[in-house]
Amino acid sequence: MNVKEIVEAYFAFINSGEWDKWAGLFDNDAVVDDMANISKGKDAIKKSVDTIQQALPEFKNYLRELVVEENKAIAICEIKATTRNNTPLVSKGANYYEIKNGKINYMASFHDSAHFKLVPRL
C-alpha cells in the first residue's frame, strides 16, 4: 500500500471496527502521540484500543481531507462518538503520519481537547 492507501485504510478499519487490521498498519516500533498518551510499540498501540472501546463504545473517525507528501500525510478528520453514559461527542482535528517501509512509524493526533472532557474516566 502507498501512503494514501495506508491512511485511508486507517480510517476504514476504525469505522468498520476491524481493530486488529487497524493495528496491523503500524510498525512494531511505532510511536503514537494522541494528546493524552504516548504509546510506544505495537502492543501499547493495541492496548489503546481497549481504552477507546471502554470510554467510547460508539466511535467513528471520518476522513474529511488528506494531504500526502512523500512518506508523510496530514488527515483532517472528525470524530463522532458516544460516551458510556450516552453523551454525544464530536471533535474535529487532524492526524499527522510518517510512513516507513509500508507501515505507520509515527502518528500524532490533534483534536479539540475540550470535547474529550465529556468522556467519563476509566
Protein backbone atom coordinates (compact mmCIF):
# COMPACT_ATOMS: atom_id res chain seq x y z
CA MET A 1 0.00 0.00 0.00
CA ASN A 2 1.15 3.54 -0.66
CA VAL A 3 0.86 6.36 1.91
CA LYS A 4 -2.60 7.46 0.73
CA GLU A 5 -3.94 3.89 0.87
CA ILE A 6 -2.48 3.32 4.35
CA VAL A 7 -4.16 6.44 5.76
CA GLU A 8 -7.46 5.63 4.05
CA ALA A 9 -7.27 2.10 5.48
CA TYR A 10 -6.59 3.58 8.95
CA PHE A 11 -10.00 5.29 8.88
CA ALA A 12 -11.80 2.41 7.15
CA PHE A 13 -10.62 -0.12 9.75
CA ILE A 14 -11.64 2.13 12.67
CA ASN A 15 -15.08 2.75 11.24
CA SER A 16 -15.70 -0.92 10.48
CA GLY A 17 -14.44 -1.99 13.94
CA GLU A 18 -11.58 -4.01 12.46
CA TRP A 19 -9.14 -3.06 15.19
CA ASP A 20 -6.69 -5.92 14.53
CA LYS A 21 -6.35 -4.78 10.92
CA TRP A 22 -6.00 -1.20 12.15
CA ALA A 23 -3.17 -2.23 14.48
CA GLY A 24 -1.56 -4.10 11.58
CA LEU A 25 -0.99 -0.77 9.82
CA PHE A 26 1.60 0.19 12.47
CA ASP A 27 5.27 -0.73 12.57
CA ASN A 28 6.32 -2.86 15.56
CA ASP A 29 8.23 0.12 17.00
CA ALA A 30 5.70 2.80 16.07
CA VAL A 31 5.00 5.79 18.30
CA VAL A 32 1.51 7.28 18.63
CA ASP A 33 1.03 10.63 20.35
CA ASP A 34 -2.69 11.13 20.86
CA MET A 35 -2.51 14.23 23.12
CA ALA A 36 -3.49 12.27 26.23
CA ASN A 37 -0.94 9.47 25.86
CA ILE A 38 2.16 8.46 24.03
CA SER A 39 2.04 4.79 23.02
CA LYS A 40 5.33 3.19 22.02
CA GLY A 41 5.30 -0.12 20.17
CA LYS A 42 2.53 -2.15 18.61
CA ASP A 43 1.49 -3.80 21.91
CA ALA A 44 0.91 -0.41 23.57
CA ILE A 45 -0.96 0.80 20.49
CA LYS A 46 -3.22 -2.27 20.61
CA LYS A 47 -3.93 -1.59 24.32
CA SER A 48 -5.06 1.93 23.44
CA VAL A 49 -7.94 0.35 21.52
CA ASP A 50 -9.29 -1.13 24.77
CA THR A 51 -9.32 2.34 26.33
CA ILE A 52 -11.18 3.80 23.35
CA GLN A 53 -13.75 1.00 23.34
CA GLN A 54 -14.37 1.25 27.09
CA ALA A 55 -14.68 5.04 27.17
CA LEU A 56 -16.43 5.46 23.82
CA PRO A 57 -18.49 2.39 22.96
CA GLU A 58 -19.66 4.07 19.74
CA PHE A 59 -16.65 5.55 17.95
CA LYS A 60 -16.19 6.67 14.35
CA ASN A 61 -13.44 8.79 12.87
CA TYR A 62 -14.19 10.24 9.44
CA LEU A 63 -11.54 11.33 6.97
CA ARG A 64 -12.50 14.77 5.62
CA GLU A 65 -9.34 15.79 3.74
CA LEU A 66 -5.96 14.20 3.09
CA VAL A 67 -2.65 15.75 2.04
CA VAL A 68 0.24 13.42 1.18
CA GLU A 69 3.83 14.41 0.55
CA GLU A 70 6.42 11.66 0.05
CA ASN A 71 6.26 9.46 3.18
CA LYS A 72 4.18 11.89 5.26
CA ALA A 73 0.49 12.71 5.42
CA ILE A 74 -1.89 15.01 7.24
CA ALA A 75 -5.53 14.00 7.55
CA ILE A 76 -8.26 16.40 8.57
CA CYS A 77 -10.82 14.30 10.39
CA GLU A 78 -13.93 14.35 12.53
CA ILE A 79 -14.63 12.04 15.44
CA LYS A 80 -18.25 11.22 16.17
CA ALA A 81 -18.70 9.10 19.27
CA THR A 82 -20.93 8.36 22.22
CA THR A 83 -19.62 8.05 25.76
CA ARG A 84 -20.53 5.25 28.18
CA ASN A 85 -23.26 7.48 29.62
CA ASN A 86 -24.73 8.19 26.14
CA THR A 87 -23.28 11.68 25.80
CA PRO A 88 -22.56 12.50 22.15
CA LEU A 89 -19.06 13.68 21.34
CA VAL A 90 -18.00 15.42 18.12
CA SER A 91 -14.45 16.65 17.65
CA LYS A 92 -12.73 17.96 14.56
CA GLY A 93 -8.99 17.66 14.32
CA ALA A 94 -6.02 16.39 12.40
CA ASN A 95 -3.71 13.40 12.35
CA TYR A 96 -0.10 13.51 11.17
CA TYR A 97 1.52 10.32 9.85
CA GLU A 98 5.04 9.24 8.95
CA ILE A 99 5.22 6.02 6.94
CA LYS A 100 8.34 3.82 6.72
CA ASN A 101 8.59 0.51 4.91
CA GLY A 102 4.84 0.44 4.25
CA LYS A 103 3.82 0.89 7.91
CA ILE A 104 2.89 3.81 10.14
CA ASN A 105 6.05 4.58 12.09
CA TYR A 106 4.86 7.74 13.84
CA MET A 107 1.43 9.29 14.27
CA ALA A 108 0.25 12.33 16.18
CA SER A 109 -3.39 13.26 16.73
CA PHE A 110 -4.56 16.82 17.38
CA HIS A 111 -8.18 17.37 18.44
CA ASP A 112 -10.05 19.96 20.44
CA SER A 113 -9.47 18.53 23.91
CA ALA A 114 -12.47 20.37 25.40
CA HIS A 115 -14.76 17.79 23.80
CA PHE A 116 -12.92 14.93 25.47
CA LYS A 117 -13.66 16.32 28.95
CA LEU A 118 -17.11 14.77 28.43
CA VAL A 119 -15.61 11.28 28.44
CA PRO A 120 -16.01 9.52 31.81
CA ARG A 121 -12.70 8.46 33.35
CA LEU A 122 -12.00 4.74 33.41
